[in-house]
PDB file of N, CA and C in Angstrom:
ATOM      1  N   MET A   1      52.508-158.399  -5.543  1.00  0.00           N
ATOM      2  CA  MET A   1      51.580-159.422  -5.974  1.00  0.00           C
ATOM      3  C   MET A   1      52.019-160.747  -5.362  1.00  0.00           C
ATOM      4  N   SER A   2      51.066-161.427  -4.768  1.00  0.00           N
ATOM      5  CA  SER A   2      51.385-162.696  -4.129  1.00  0.00           C
ATOM      6  C   SER A   2      50.517-163.810  -4.699  1.00  0.00           C
ATOM      7  N   VAL A   3      51.167-164.713  -5.434  1.00  0.00           N
ATOM      8  CA  VAL A   3      50.492-165.873  -6.002  1.00  0.00           C
ATOM      9  C   VAL A   3      51.239-167.109  -5.525  1.00  0.00           C
ATOM     10  N   ARG A   4      50.510-168.023  -4.936  1.00  0.00           N
ATOM     11  CA  ARG A   4      51.088-169.269  -4.436  1.00  0.00           C
ATOM     12  C   ARG A   4      50.447-170.439  -5.145  1.00  0.00           C
ATOM     13  N   VAL A   5      51.173-171.556  -5.199  1.00  0.00           N
ATOM     14  CA  VAL A   5      50.624-172.807  -5.718  1.00  0.00           C
ATOM     15  C   VAL A   5      50.782-173.843  -4.615  1.00  0.00           C
ATOM     16  N   ARG A   6      49.674-174.502  -4.282  1.00  0.00           N
ATOM     17  CA  ARG A   6      49.693-175.532  -3.238  1.00  0.00           C
ATOM     18  C   ARG A   6      48.850-176.712  -3.680  1.00  0.00           C
ATOM     19  N   ARG A   7      49.148-177.859  -3.109  1.00  0.00           N
ATOM     20  CA  ARG A   7      48.303-179.036  -3.348  1.00  0.00           C
ATOM     21  C   ARG A   7      47.017-178.875  -2.547  1.00  0.00           C
ATOM     22  N   ILE A   8      45.919-179.233  -3.152  1.00  0.00           N
ATOM     23  CA  ILE A   8      44.611-179.127  -2.510  1.00  0.00           C
ATOM     24  C   ILE A   8      44.523-180.008  -1.276  1.00  0.00           C
ATOM     25  N   TYR A   9      45.327-181.056  -1.228  1.00  0.00           N
ATOM     26  CA  TYR A   9      45.278-181.990  -0.104  1.00  0.00           C
ATOM     27  C   TYR A   9      46.009-181.473   1.136  1.00  0.00           C
ATOM     28  N   GLU A  10      46.782-180.396   0.999  1.00  0.00           N
ATOM     29  CA  GLU A  10      47.435-179.795   2.163  1.00  0.00           C
ATOM     30  C   GLU A  10      46.391-178.999   2.939  1.00  0.00           C
ATOM     31  N   PRO A  11      46.483-179.002   4.266  1.00  0.00           N
ATOM     32  CA  PRO A  11      45.492-178.260   5.045  1.00  0.00           C
ATOM     33  C   PRO A  11      45.557-176.752   4.738  1.00  0.00           C
ATOM     34  N   PRO A  12      44.408-176.089   4.724  1.00  0.00           N
ATOM     35  CA  PRO A  12      44.394-174.643   4.501  1.00  0.00           C
ATOM     36  C   PRO A  12      45.233-173.928   5.566  1.00  0.00           C
ATOM     37  N   GLU A  13      45.865-172.831   5.153  1.00  0.00           N
ATOM     38  CA  GLU A  13      46.658-172.012   6.066  1.00  0.00           C
ATOM     39  C   GLU A  13      46.086-170.606   6.108  1.00  0.00           C
ATOM     40  N   PRO A  14      46.263-169.906   7.225  1.00  0.00           N
ATOM     41  CA  PRO A  14      45.743-168.540   7.322  1.00  0.00           C
ATOM     42  C   PRO A  14      46.275-167.605   6.232  1.00  0.00           C
ATOM     43  N   GLY A  15      47.495-167.839   5.756  1.00  0.00           N
ATOM     44  CA  GLY A  15      48.089-166.963   4.750  1.00  0.00           C
ATOM     45  C   GLY A  15      47.704-167.282   3.324  1.00  0.00           C
ATOM     46  N   ASP A  16      46.786-168.226   3.116  1.00  0.00           N
ATOM     47  CA  ASP A  16      46.398-168.610   1.761  1.00  0.00           C
ATOM     48  C   ASP A  16      45.647-167.508   1.018  1.00  0.00           C
ATOM     49  N   GLY A  17      44.970-166.651   1.722  1.00  0.00           N
ATOM     50  CA  GLY A  17      44.175-165.631   1.047  1.00  0.00           C
ATOM     51  C   GLY A  17      43.047-166.267   0.264  1.00  0.00           C
ATOM     52  N   LEU A  18      42.856-165.811  -0.969  1.00  0.00           N
ATOM     53  CA  LEU A  18      41.814-166.349  -1.851  1.00  0.00           C
ATOM     54  C   LEU A  18      42.265-167.719  -2.351  1.00  0.00           C
ATOM     55  N   ARG A  19      41.496-168.750  -2.039  1.00  0.00           N
ATOM     56  CA  ARG A  19      41.835-170.130  -2.436  1.00  0.00           C
ATOM     57  C   ARG A  19      41.054-170.494  -3.694  1.00  0.00           C
ATOM     58  N   VAL A  20      41.806-170.765  -4.783  1.00  0.00           N
ATOM     59  CA  VAL A  20      41.199-170.995  -6.091  1.00  0.00           C
ATOM     60  C   VAL A  20      41.600-172.370  -6.609  1.00  0.00           C
ATOM     61  N   LEU A  21      40.616-173.247  -6.790  1.00  0.00           N
ATOM     62  CA  LEU A  21      40.871-174.557  -7.360  1.00  0.00           C
ATOM     63  C   LEU A  21      41.023-174.393  -8.867  1.00  0.00           C
ATOM     64  N   VAL A  22      42.157-174.854  -9.414  1.00  0.00           N
ATOM     65  CA  VAL A  22      42.416-174.685 -10.842  1.00  0.00           C
ATOM     66  C   VAL A  22      42.453-176.023 -11.583  1.00  0.00           C
ATOM     67  N   ASP A  23      41.821-177.047 -11.023  1.00  0.00           N
ATOM     68  CA  ASP A  23      41.662-178.337 -11.681  1.00  0.00           C
ATOM     69  C   ASP A  23      40.241-178.434 -12.234  1.00  0.00           C
ATOM     70  N   ARG A  24      40.089-179.077 -13.374  1.00  0.00           N
ATOM     71  CA  ARG A  24      38.756-179.227 -13.973  1.00  0.00           C
ATOM     72  C   ARG A  24      37.889-180.195 -13.184  1.00  0.00           C
ATOM     73  N   LEU A  25      38.518-181.224 -12.601  1.00  0.00           N
ATOM     74  CA  LEU A  25      37.785-182.226 -11.839  1.00  0.00           C
ATOM     75  C   LEU A  25      37.992-182.013 -10.346  1.00  0.00           C
ATOM     76  N   TRP A  26      36.956-182.292  -9.567  1.00  0.00           N
ATOM     77  CA  TRP A  26      37.073-182.181  -8.108  1.00  0.00           C
ATOM     78  C   TRP A  26      38.028-183.266  -7.619  1.00  0.00           C
ATOM     79  N   PRO A  27      38.949-182.934  -6.704  1.00  0.00           N
ATOM     80  CA  PRO A  27      39.913-183.930  -6.210  1.00  0.00           C
ATOM     81  C   PRO A  27      39.246-185.070  -5.448  1.00  0.00           C
ATOM     82  N   ARG A  28      39.724-186.268  -5.710  1.00  0.00           N
ATOM     83  CA  ARG A  28      39.163-187.468  -5.089  1.00  0.00           C
ATOM     84  C   ARG A  28      39.350-187.458  -3.582  1.00  0.00           C
ATOM     85  N   GLY A  29      38.309-187.931  -2.896  1.00  0.00           N
ATOM     86  CA  GLY A  29      38.403-188.156  -1.462  1.00  0.00           C
ATOM     87  C   GLY A  29      38.461-186.918  -0.601  1.00  0.00           C
ATOM     88  N   LEU A  30      38.141-185.764  -1.151  1.00  0.00           N
ATOM     89  CA  LEU A  30      38.214-184.515  -0.400  1.00  0.00           C
ATOM     90  C   LEU A  30      36.838-183.848  -0.389  1.00  0.00           C
ATOM     91  N   SER A  31      36.360-183.552   0.803  1.00  0.00           N
ATOM     92  CA  SER A  31      35.060-182.882   0.890  1.00  0.00           C
ATOM     93  C   SER A  31      35.215-181.401   0.574  1.00  0.00           C
ATOM     94  N   LYS A  32      34.144-180.793   0.144  1.00  0.00           N
ATOM     95  CA  LYS A  32      34.181-179.359  -0.148  1.00  0.00           C
ATOM     96  C   LYS A  32      34.423-178.550   1.117  1.00  0.00           C
ATOM     97  N   GLU A  33      33.934-179.031   2.242  1.00  0.00           N
ATOM     98  CA  GLU A  33      34.148-178.332   3.514  1.00  0.00           C
ATOM     99  C   GLU A  33      35.633-178.356   3.895  1.00  0.00           C
ATOM    100  N   ALA A  34      36.279-179.507   3.737  1.00  0.00           N
ATOM    101  CA  ALA A  34      37.694-179.640   4.094  1.00  0.00           C
ATOM    102  C   ALA A  34      38.594-178.840   3.151  1.00  0.00           C
ATOM    103  N   ALA A  35      38.190-178.729   1.897  1.00  0.00           N
ATOM    104  CA  ALA A  35      39.016-178.036   0.904  1.00  0.00           C
ATOM    105  C   ALA A  35      39.020-176.520   1.094  1.00  0.00           C
ATOM    106  N   ARG A  36      37.911-176.002   1.591  1.00  0.00           N
ATOM    107  CA  ARG A  36      37.770-174.548   1.781  1.00  0.00           C
ATOM    108  C   ARG A  36      38.186-173.760   0.542  1.00  0.00           C
ATOM    109  N   VAL A  37      37.562-174.095  -0.578  1.00  0.00           N
ATOM    110  CA  VAL A  37      37.819-173.427  -1.845  1.00  0.00           C
ATOM    111  C   VAL A  37      36.900-172.214  -1.957  1.00  0.00           C
ATOM    112  N   ASP A  38      37.478-171.072  -2.313  1.00  0.00           N
ATOM    113  CA  ASP A  38      36.685-169.857  -2.486  1.00  0.00           C
ATOM    114  C   ASP A  38      36.123-169.746  -3.903  1.00  0.00           C
ATOM    115  N   GLU A  39      36.913-170.191  -4.876  1.00  0.00           N
ATOM    116  CA  GLU A  39      36.486-170.115  -6.271  1.00  0.00           C
ATOM    117  C   GLU A  39      36.945-171.351  -7.017  1.00  0.00           C
ATOM    118  N   TRP A  40      36.171-171.706  -8.054  1.00  0.00           N
ATOM    119  CA  TRP A  40      36.519-172.844  -8.910  1.00  0.00           C
ATOM    120  C   TRP A  40      36.192-172.452 -10.349  1.00  0.00           C
ATOM    121  N   PRO A  41      37.020-171.593 -10.948  1.00  0.00           N
ATOM    122  CA  PRO A  41      36.749-171.117 -12.315  1.00  0.00           C
ATOM    123  C   PRO A  41      37.206-172.131 -13.368  1.00  0.00           C
ATOM    124  N   LYS A  42      36.304-172.990 -13.774  1.00  0.00           N
ATOM    125  CA  LYS A  42      36.651-174.085 -14.680  1.00  0.00           C
ATOM    126  C   LYS A  42      37.155-173.591 -16.040  1.00  0.00           C
ATOM    127  N   ALA A  43      36.794-172.372 -16.419  1.00  0.00           N
ATOM    128  CA  ALA A  43      37.271-171.834 -17.699  1.00  0.00           C
ATOM    129  C   ALA A  43      38.770-171.539 -17.663  1.00  0.00           C
ATOM    130  N   LEU A  44      39.376-171.524 -16.475  1.00  0.00           N
ATOM    131  CA  LEU A  44      40.822-171.320 -16.358  1.00  0.00           C
ATOM    132  C   LEU A  44      41.601-172.628 -16.371  1.00  0.00           C
ATOM    133  N   THR A  45      40.903-173.737 -16.375  1.00  0.00           N
ATOM    134  CA  THR A  45      41.580-175.028 -16.338  1.00  0.00           C
ATOM    135  C   THR A  45      41.883-175.494 -17.761  1.00  0.00           C
ATOM    136  N   PRO A  46      42.914-176.318 -17.923  1.00  0.00           N
ATOM    137  CA  PRO A  46      43.184-176.841 -19.271  1.00  0.00           C
ATOM    138  C   PRO A  46      41.997-177.656 -19.779  1.00  0.00           C
ATOM    139  N   SER A  47      41.776-177.587 -21.067  1.00  0.00           N
ATOM    140  CA  SER A  47      40.680-178.357 -21.665  1.00  0.00           C
ATOM    141  C   SER A  47      40.924-179.848 -21.471  1.00  0.00           C
ATOM    142  N   THR A  48      39.855-180.605 -21.561  1.00  0.00           N
ATOM    143  CA  THR A  48      39.956-182.058 -21.457  1.00  0.00           C
ATOM    144  C   THR A  48      40.896-182.599 -22.534  1.00  0.00           C
ATOM    145  N   GLU A  49      40.794-182.059 -23.740  1.00  0.00           N
ATOM    146  CA  GLU A  49      41.652-182.509 -24.833  1.00  0.00           C
ATOM    147  C   GLU A  49      43.128-182.255 -24.524  1.00  0.00           C
ATOM    148  N   LEU A  50      43.437-181.084 -24.006  1.00  0.00           N
ATOM    149  CA  LEU A  50      44.828-180.753 -23.687  1.00  0.00           C
ATOM    150  C   LEU A  50      45.350-181.623 -22.550  1.00  0.00           C
ATOM    151  N   ARG A  51      44.534-181.806 -21.525  1.00  0.00           N
ATOM    152  CA  ARG A  51      44.961-182.659 -20.405  1.00  0.00           C
ATOM    153  C   ARG A  51      45.230-184.086 -20.881  1.00  0.00           C
ATOM    154  N   THR A  52      44.317-184.617 -21.688  1.00  0.00           N
ATOM    155  CA  THR A  52      44.459-185.981 -22.198  1.00  0.00           C
ATOM    156  C   THR A  52      45.726-186.100 -23.043  1.00  0.00           C
ATOM    157  N   TRP A  53      45.949-185.140 -23.917  1.00  0.00           N
ATOM    158  CA  TRP A  53      47.137-185.135 -24.771  1.00  0.00           C
ATOM    159  C   TRP A  53      48.412-185.130 -23.924  1.00  0.00           C
ATOM    160  N   TYR A  54      48.477-184.248 -22.951  1.00  0.00           N
ATOM    161  CA  TYR A  54      49.690-184.123 -22.140  1.00  0.00           C
ATOM    162  C   TYR A  54      49.924-185.363 -21.277  1.00  0.00           C
ATOM    163  N   HIS A  55      48.885-185.872 -20.640  1.00  0.00           N
ATOM    164  CA  HIS A  55      49.037-187.029 -19.764  1.00  0.00           C
ATOM    165  C   HIS A  55      49.316-188.315 -20.533  1.00  0.00           C
ATOM    166  N   ALA A  56      49.048-188.320 -21.833  1.00  0.00           N
ATOM    167  CA  ALA A  56      49.383-189.478 -22.664  1.00  0.00           C
ATOM    168  C   ALA A  56      50.872-189.487 -23.020  1.00  0.00           C
ATOM    169  N   GLY A  57      51.576-188.409 -22.653  1.00  0.00           N
ATOM    170  CA  GLY A  57      53.010-188.343 -22.912  1.00  0.00           C
ATOM    171  C   GLY A  57      53.353-188.006 -24.350  1.00  0.00           C
ATOM    172  N   GLU A  58      52.426-187.358 -25.039  1.00  0.00           N
ATOM    173  CA  GLU A  58      52.638-187.056 -26.450  1.00  0.00           C
ATOM    174  C   GLU A  58      53.450-185.792 -26.694  1.00  0.00           C
ATOM    175  N   GLY A  59      53.681-184.990 -25.667  1.00  0.00           N
ATOM    176  CA  GLY A  59      54.422-183.753 -25.883  1.00  0.00           C
ATOM    177  C   GLY A  59      55.181-183.344 -24.642  1.00  0.00           C
ATOM    178  N   SER A  60      56.010-182.349 -24.803  1.00  0.00           N
ATOM    179  CA  SER A  60      56.820-181.847 -23.696  1.00  0.00           C
ATOM    180  C   SER A  60      56.008-180.871 -22.833  1.00  0.00           C
ATOM    181  N   PHE A  61      56.521-180.587 -21.656  1.00  0.00           N
ATOM    182  CA  PHE A  61      55.860-179.612 -20.796  1.00  0.00           C
ATOM    183  C   PHE A  61      55.846-178.244 -21.462  1.00  0.00           C
ATOM    184  N   GLU A  62      56.922-177.905 -22.157  1.00  0.00           N
ATOM    185  CA  GLU A  62      57.002-176.601 -22.831  1.00  0.00           C
ATOM    186  C   GLU A  62      55.888-176.460 -23.873  1.00  0.00           C
ATOM    187  N   GLU A  63      55.648-177.531 -24.628  1.00  0.00           N
ATOM    188  CA  GLU A  63      54.575-177.492 -25.622  1.00  0.00           C
ATOM    189  C   GLU A  63      53.209-177.429 -24.944  1.00  0.00           C
ATOM    190  N   PHE A  64      53.053-178.174 -23.842  1.00  0.00           N
ATOM    191  CA  PHE A  64      51.812-178.112 -23.072  1.00  0.00           C
ATOM    192  C   PHE A  64      51.570-176.675 -22.606  1.00  0.00           C
ATOM    193  N   ALA A  65      52.614-176.038 -22.048  1.00  0.00           N
ATOM    194  CA  ALA A  65      52.482-174.668 -21.541  1.00  0.00           C
ATOM    195  C   ALA A  65      52.065-173.713 -22.659  1.00  0.00           C
ATOM    196  N   GLU A  66      52.642-173.866 -23.843  1.00  0.00           N
ATOM    197  CA  GLU A  66      52.277-173.004 -24.976  1.00  0.00           C
ATOM    198  C   GLU A  66      50.806-173.195 -25.356  1.00  0.00           C
ATOM    199  N   ARG A  67      50.376-174.440 -25.419  1.00  0.00           N
ATOM    200  CA  ARG A  67      48.976-174.716 -25.779  1.00  0.00           C
ATOM    201  C   ARG A  67      48.017-174.215 -24.700  1.00  0.00           C
ATOM    202  N   TYR A  68      48.409-174.368 -23.457  1.00  0.00           N
ATOM    203  CA  TYR A  68      47.570-173.890 -22.348  1.00  0.00           C
ATOM    204  C   TYR A  68      47.470-172.371 -22.370  1.00  0.00           C
ATOM    205  N   GLU A  69      48.587-171.703 -22.618  1.00  0.00           N
ATOM    206  CA  GLU A  69      48.558-170.241 -22.710  1.00  0.00           C
ATOM    207  C   GLU A  69      47.632-169.786 -23.843  1.00  0.00           C
ATOM    208  N   ALA A  70      47.614-170.519 -24.946  1.00  0.00           N
ATOM    209  CA  ALA A  70      46.702-170.191 -26.046  1.00  0.00           C
ATOM    210  C   ALA A  70      45.256-170.333 -25.595  1.00  0.00           C
ATOM    211  N   GLU A  71      44.958-171.373 -24.820  1.00  0.00           N
ATOM    212  CA  GLU A  71      43.597-171.531 -24.285  1.00  0.00           C
ATOM    213  C   GLU A  71      43.248-170.380 -23.344  1.00  0.00           C
ATOM    214  N   LEU A  72      44.216-169.931 -22.566  1.00  0.00           N
ATOM    215  CA  LEU A  72      43.965-168.843 -21.612  1.00  0.00           C
ATOM    216  C   LEU A  72      43.778-167.492 -22.294  1.00  0.00           C
ATOM    217  N   ALA A  73      44.119-167.407 -23.573  1.00  0.00           N
ATOM    218  CA  ALA A  73      43.915-166.165 -24.318  1.00  0.00           C
ATOM    219  C   ALA A  73      42.485-166.039 -24.839  1.00  0.00           C
ATOM    220  N   GLU A  74      41.707-167.130 -24.759  1.00  0.00           N
ATOM    221  CA  GLU A  74      40.303-167.074 -25.176  1.00  0.00           C
ATOM    222  C   GLU A  74      39.553-166.097 -24.270  1.00  0.00           C
ATOM    223  N   PRO A  75      38.528-165.411 -24.784  1.00  0.00           N
ATOM    224  CA  PRO A  75      37.878-164.330 -24.035  1.00  0.00           C
ATOM    225  C   PRO A  75      37.427-164.661 -22.605  1.00  0.00           C
ATOM    226  N   GLU A  76      36.733-165.770 -22.415  1.00  0.00           N
ATOM    227  CA  GLU A  76      36.240-166.088 -21.068  1.00  0.00           C
ATOM    228  C   GLU A  76      37.395-166.329 -20.102  1.00  0.00           C
ATOM    229  N   ALA A  77      38.381-167.104 -20.534  1.00  0.00           N
ATOM    230  CA  ALA A  77      39.537-167.387 -19.681  1.00  0.00           C
ATOM    231  C   ALA A  77      40.347-166.112 -19.432  1.00  0.00           C
ATOM    232  N   ALA A  78      40.507-165.295 -20.452  1.00  0.00           N
ATOM    233  CA  ALA A  78      41.281-164.057 -20.304  1.00  0.00           C
ATOM    234  C   ALA A  78      40.625-163.121 -19.287  1.00  0.00           C
ATOM    235  N   ALA A  79      39.310-163.046 -19.307  1.00  0.00           N
ATOM    236  CA  ALA A  79      38.597-162.201 -18.339  1.00  0.00           C
ATOM    237  C   ALA A  79      38.788-162.728 -16.916  1.00  0.00           C
ATOM    238  N   LEU A  80      38.716-164.041 -16.743  1.00  0.00           N
ATOM    239  CA  LEU A  80      38.942-164.628 -15.422  1.00  0.00           C
ATOM    240  C   LEU A  80      40.380-164.432 -14.964  1.00  0.00           C
ATOM    241  N   LEU A  81      41.317-164.545 -15.886  1.00  0.00           N
ATOM    242  CA  LEU A  81      42.725-164.325 -15.572  1.00  0.00           C
ATOM    243  C   LEU A  81      42.944-162.890 -15.103  1.00  0.00           C
ATOM    244  N   ASP A  82      42.337-161.938 -15.782  1.00  0.00           N
ATOM    245  CA  ASP A  82      42.441-160.526 -15.379  1.00  0.00           C
ATOM    246  C   ASP A  82      41.846-160.307 -13.988  1.00  0.00           C
ATOM    247  N   ARG A  83      40.723-160.961 -13.712  1.00  0.00           N
ATOM    248  CA  ARG A  83      40.090-160.816 -12.401  1.00  0.00           C
ATOM    249  C   ARG A  83      40.972-161.401 -11.303  1.00  0.00           C
ATOM    250  N   LEU A  84      41.583-162.563 -11.565  1.00  0.00           N
ATOM    251  CA  LEU A  84      42.487-163.161 -10.581  1.00  0.00           C
ATOM    252  C   LEU A  84      43.728-162.295 -10.380  1.00  0.00           C
ATOM    253  N   ARG A  85      44.221-161.709 -11.460  1.00  0.00           N
ATOM    254  CA  ARG A  85      45.380-160.826 -11.370  1.00  0.00           C
ATOM    255  C   ARG A  85      45.047-159.619 -10.479  1.00  0.00           C
ATOM    256  N   ALA A  86      43.855-159.080 -10.612  1.00  0.00           N
ATOM    257  CA  ALA A  86      43.425-157.964  -9.771  1.00  0.00           C
ATOM    258  C   ALA A  86      43.325-158.408  -8.314  1.00  0.00           C
ATOM    259  N   SER A  87      42.815-159.602  -8.077  1.00  0.00           N
ATOM    260  CA  SER A  87      42.735-160.127  -6.706  1.00  0.00           C
ATOM    261  C   SER A  87      44.128-160.290  -6.115  1.00  0.00           C
ATOM    262  N   ALA A  88      45.082-160.762  -6.926  1.00  0.00           N
ATOM    263  CA  ALA A  88      46.452-160.954  -6.450  1.00  0.00           C
ATOM    264  C   ALA A  88      47.128-159.621  -6.153  1.00  0.00           C
ATOM    265  N   ALA A  89      46.721-158.570  -6.845  1.00  0.00           N
ATOM    266  CA  ALA A  89      47.287-157.250  -6.583  1.00  0.00           C
ATOM    267  C   ALA A  89      46.823-156.714  -5.228  1.00  0.00           C
ATOM    268  N   GLU A  90      45.670-157.207  -4.771  1.00  0.00           N
ATOM    269  CA  GLU A  90      45.107-156.749  -3.493  1.00  0.00           C
ATOM    270  C   GLU A  90      45.489-157.636  -2.317  1.00  0.00           C
ATOM    271  N   GLY A  91      45.886-158.881  -2.576  1.00  0.00           N
ATOM    272  CA  GLY A  91      46.219-159.819  -1.502  1.00  0.00           C
ATOM    273  C   GLY A  91      46.671-161.141  -2.081  1.00  0.00           C
ATOM    274  N   THR A  92      46.898-162.082  -1.231  1.00  0.00           N
ATOM    275  CA  THR A  92      47.398-163.384  -1.660  1.00  0.00           C
ATOM    276  C   THR A  92      46.322-164.192  -2.376  1.00  0.00           C
ATOM    277  N   VAL A  93      46.737-164.835  -3.460  1.00  0.00           N
ATOM    278  CA  VAL A  93      45.898-165.785  -4.185  1.00  0.00           C
ATOM    279  C   VAL A  93      46.650-167.113  -4.175  1.00  0.00           C
ATOM    280  N   THR A  94      45.991-168.160  -3.725  1.00  0.00           N
ATOM    281  CA  THR A  94      46.589-169.488  -3.699  1.00  0.00           C
ATOM    282  C   THR A  94      45.873-170.359  -4.718  1.00  0.00           C
ATOM    283  N   LEU A  95      46.644-170.832  -5.695  1.00  0.00           N
ATOM    284  CA  LEU A  95      46.120-171.725  -6.721  1.00  0.00           C
ATOM    285  C   LEU A  95      46.241-173.148  -6.202  1.00  0.00           C
ATOM    286  N   LEU A  96      45.136-173.857  -6.185  1.00  0.00           N
ATOM    287  CA  LEU A  96      45.088-175.207  -5.627  1.00  0.00           C
ATOM    288  C   LEU A  96      44.957-176.239  -6.727  1.00  0.00           C
ATOM    289  N   THR A  97      45.754-177.286  -6.621  1.00  0.00           N
ATOM    290  CA  THR A  97      45.727-178.363  -7.596  1.00  0.00           C
ATOM    291  C   THR A  97      46.012-179.696  -6.922  1.00  0.00           C
ATOM    292  N   ALA A  98      45.522-180.753  -7.504  1.00  0.00           N
ATOM    293  CA  ALA A  98      45.804-182.094  -6.995  1.00  0.00           C
ATOM    294  C   ALA A  98      47.095-182.648  -7.590  1.00  0.00           C
ATOM    295  N   SER A  99      47.667-181.946  -8.537  1.00  0.00           N
ATOM    296  CA  SER A  99      48.875-182.408  -9.223  1.00  0.00           C
ATOM    297  C   SER A  99      50.024-182.658  -8.262  1.00  0.00           C
ATOM    298  N   ARG A 100      50.760-183.719  -8.549  1.00  0.00           N
ATOM    299  CA  ARG A 100      51.917-184.067  -7.722  1.00  0.00           C
ATOM    300  C   ARG A 100      53.214-183.505  -8.296  1.00  0.00           C
ATOM    301  N   ALA A 101      53.156-182.882  -9.452  1.00  0.00           N
ATOM    302  CA  ALA A 101      54.349-182.335 -10.111  1.00  0.00           C
ATOM    303  C   ALA A 101      54.367-180.822  -9.927  1.00  0.00           C
ATOM    304  N   PRO A 102      54.972-180.334  -8.848  1.00  0.00           N
ATOM    305  CA  PRO A 102      54.863-178.915  -8.520  1.00  0.00           C
ATOM    306  C   PRO A 102      55.401-177.946  -9.569  1.00  0.00           C
ATOM    307  N   GLY A 103      56.461-178.290 -10.260  1.00  0.00           N
ATOM    308  CA  GLY A 103      57.035-177.340 -11.205  1.00  0.00           C
ATOM    309  C   GLY A 103      56.538-177.477 -12.622  1.00  0.00           C
ATOM    310  N   GLU A 104      55.954-178.604 -12.949  1.00  0.00           N
ATOM    311  CA  GLU A 104      55.529-178.849 -14.324  1.00  0.00           C
ATOM    312  C   GLU A 104      54.062-179.236 -14.377  1.00  0.00           C
ATOM    313  N   ASN A 105      53.223-178.264 -14.070  1.00  0.00           N
ATOM    314  CA  ASN A 105      51.784-178.488 -14.169  1.00  0.00           C
ATOM    315  C   ASN A 105      51.105-177.194 -14.593  1.00  0.00           C
ATOM    316  N   HIS A 106      49.843-177.291 -14.870  1.00  0.00           N
ATOM    317  CA  HIS A 106      49.094-176.130 -15.342  1.00  0.00           C
ATOM    318  C   HIS A 106      49.044-175.004 -14.311  1.00  0.00           C
ATOM    319  N   ALA A 107      49.038-175.350 -13.019  1.00  0.00           N
ATOM    320  CA  ALA A 107      48.994-174.319 -11.982  1.00  0.00           C
ATOM    321  C   ALA A 107      50.256-173.466 -12.002  1.00  0.00           C
ATOM    322  N   SER A 108      51.393-174.078 -12.289  1.00  0.00           N
ATOM    323  CA  SER A 108      52.639-173.308 -12.361  1.00  0.00           C
ATOM    324  C   SER A 108      52.626-172.364 -13.563  1.00  0.00           C
ATOM    325  N   VAL A 109      52.039-172.798 -14.668  1.00  0.00           N
ATOM    326  CA  VAL A 109      51.907-171.935 -15.847  1.00  0.00           C
ATOM    327  C   VAL A 109      50.991-170.763 -15.514  1.00  0.00           C
ATOM    328  N   LEU A 110      49.877-171.059 -14.899  1.00  0.00           N
ATOM    329  CA  LEU A 110      48.920-170.029 -14.517  1.00  0.00           C
ATOM    330  C   LEU A 110      49.546-169.034 -13.538  1.00  0.00           C
ATOM    331  N   ALA A 111      50.272-169.532 -12.548  1.00  0.00           N
ATOM    332  CA  ALA A 111      50.930-168.650 -11.573  1.00  0.00           C
ATOM    333  C   ALA A 111      51.938-167.733 -12.266  1.00  0.00           C
ATOM    334  N   ARG A 112      52.706-168.278 -13.191  1.00  0.00           N
ATOM    335  CA  ARG A 112      53.688-167.466 -13.919  1.00  0.00           C
ATOM    336  C   ARG A 112      52.990-166.350 -14.703  1.00  0.00           C
ATOM    337  N   LEU A 113      51.899-166.683 -15.359  1.00  0.00           N
ATOM    338  CA  LEU A 113      51.158-165.672 -16.112  1.00  0.00           C
ATOM    339  C   LEU A 113      50.573-164.608 -15.204  1.00  0.00           C
ATOM    340  N   LEU A 114      50.068-165.008 -14.060  1.00  0.00           N
ATOM    341  CA  LEU A 114      49.507-164.038 -13.125  1.00  0.00           C
ATOM    342  C   LEU A 114      50.598-163.093 -12.618  1.00  0.00           C
ATOM    343  N   ARG A 115      51.746-163.640 -12.285  1.00  0.00           N
ATOM    344  CA  ARG A 115      52.851-162.829 -11.757  1.00  0.00           C
ATOM    345  C   ARG A 115      53.430-161.881 -12.806  1.00  0.00           C
ATOM    346  N   SER A 116      53.463-162.347 -14.058  1.00  0.00           N
ATOM    347  CA  SER A 116      54.101-161.544 -15.112  1.00  0.00           C
ATOM    348  C   SER A 116      53.187-160.459 -15.661  1.00  0.00           C
ATOM    349  N   GLY A 117      51.898-160.653 -15.482  1.00  0.00           N
ATOM    350  CA  GLY A 117      50.954-159.674 -16.008  1.00  0.00           C
ATOM    351  C   GLY A 117      50.654-159.866 -17.486  1.00  0.00           C
ATOM    352  N   SER A 118      51.196-160.956 -18.085  1.00  0.00           N
ATOM    353  CA  SER A 118      50.936-161.200 -19.506  1.00  0.00           C
ATOM    354  C   SER A 118      49.949-162.336 -19.680  1.00  0.00           C
ATOM    355  N   ARG A 119      49.497-162.495 -20.925  1.00  0.00           N
ATOM    356  CA  ARG A 119      48.575-163.593 -21.249  1.00  0.00           C
ATOM    357  C   ARG A 119      49.267-164.601 -22.096  1.00  0.00           C
TER     358      ARG A 119
END
């Protein structure tokens, strides 16, 4: 299983495979043509409430990850997660985000869940 996390602002690479934008909002200053996004499943992104809470500095990354995982257990998100996991079993899936914090963001939580096979 191959799951990668990259910034959306980095140029696409041949090894990216399926390119999936995992941010709720479209990244500023980037055209859809330049981004070359294959999928944008908004139900897999953190809710507006969770994003606002975390970016306000009200909790730790660990607590954010727990709350995000709970959101991903909801039926629509869980079905999309299963579909992405199946895609990753067949080839590379690259999760794209505008986040500048590579190890502590929602994309890293999502990648970990995809790799582990758990929800």
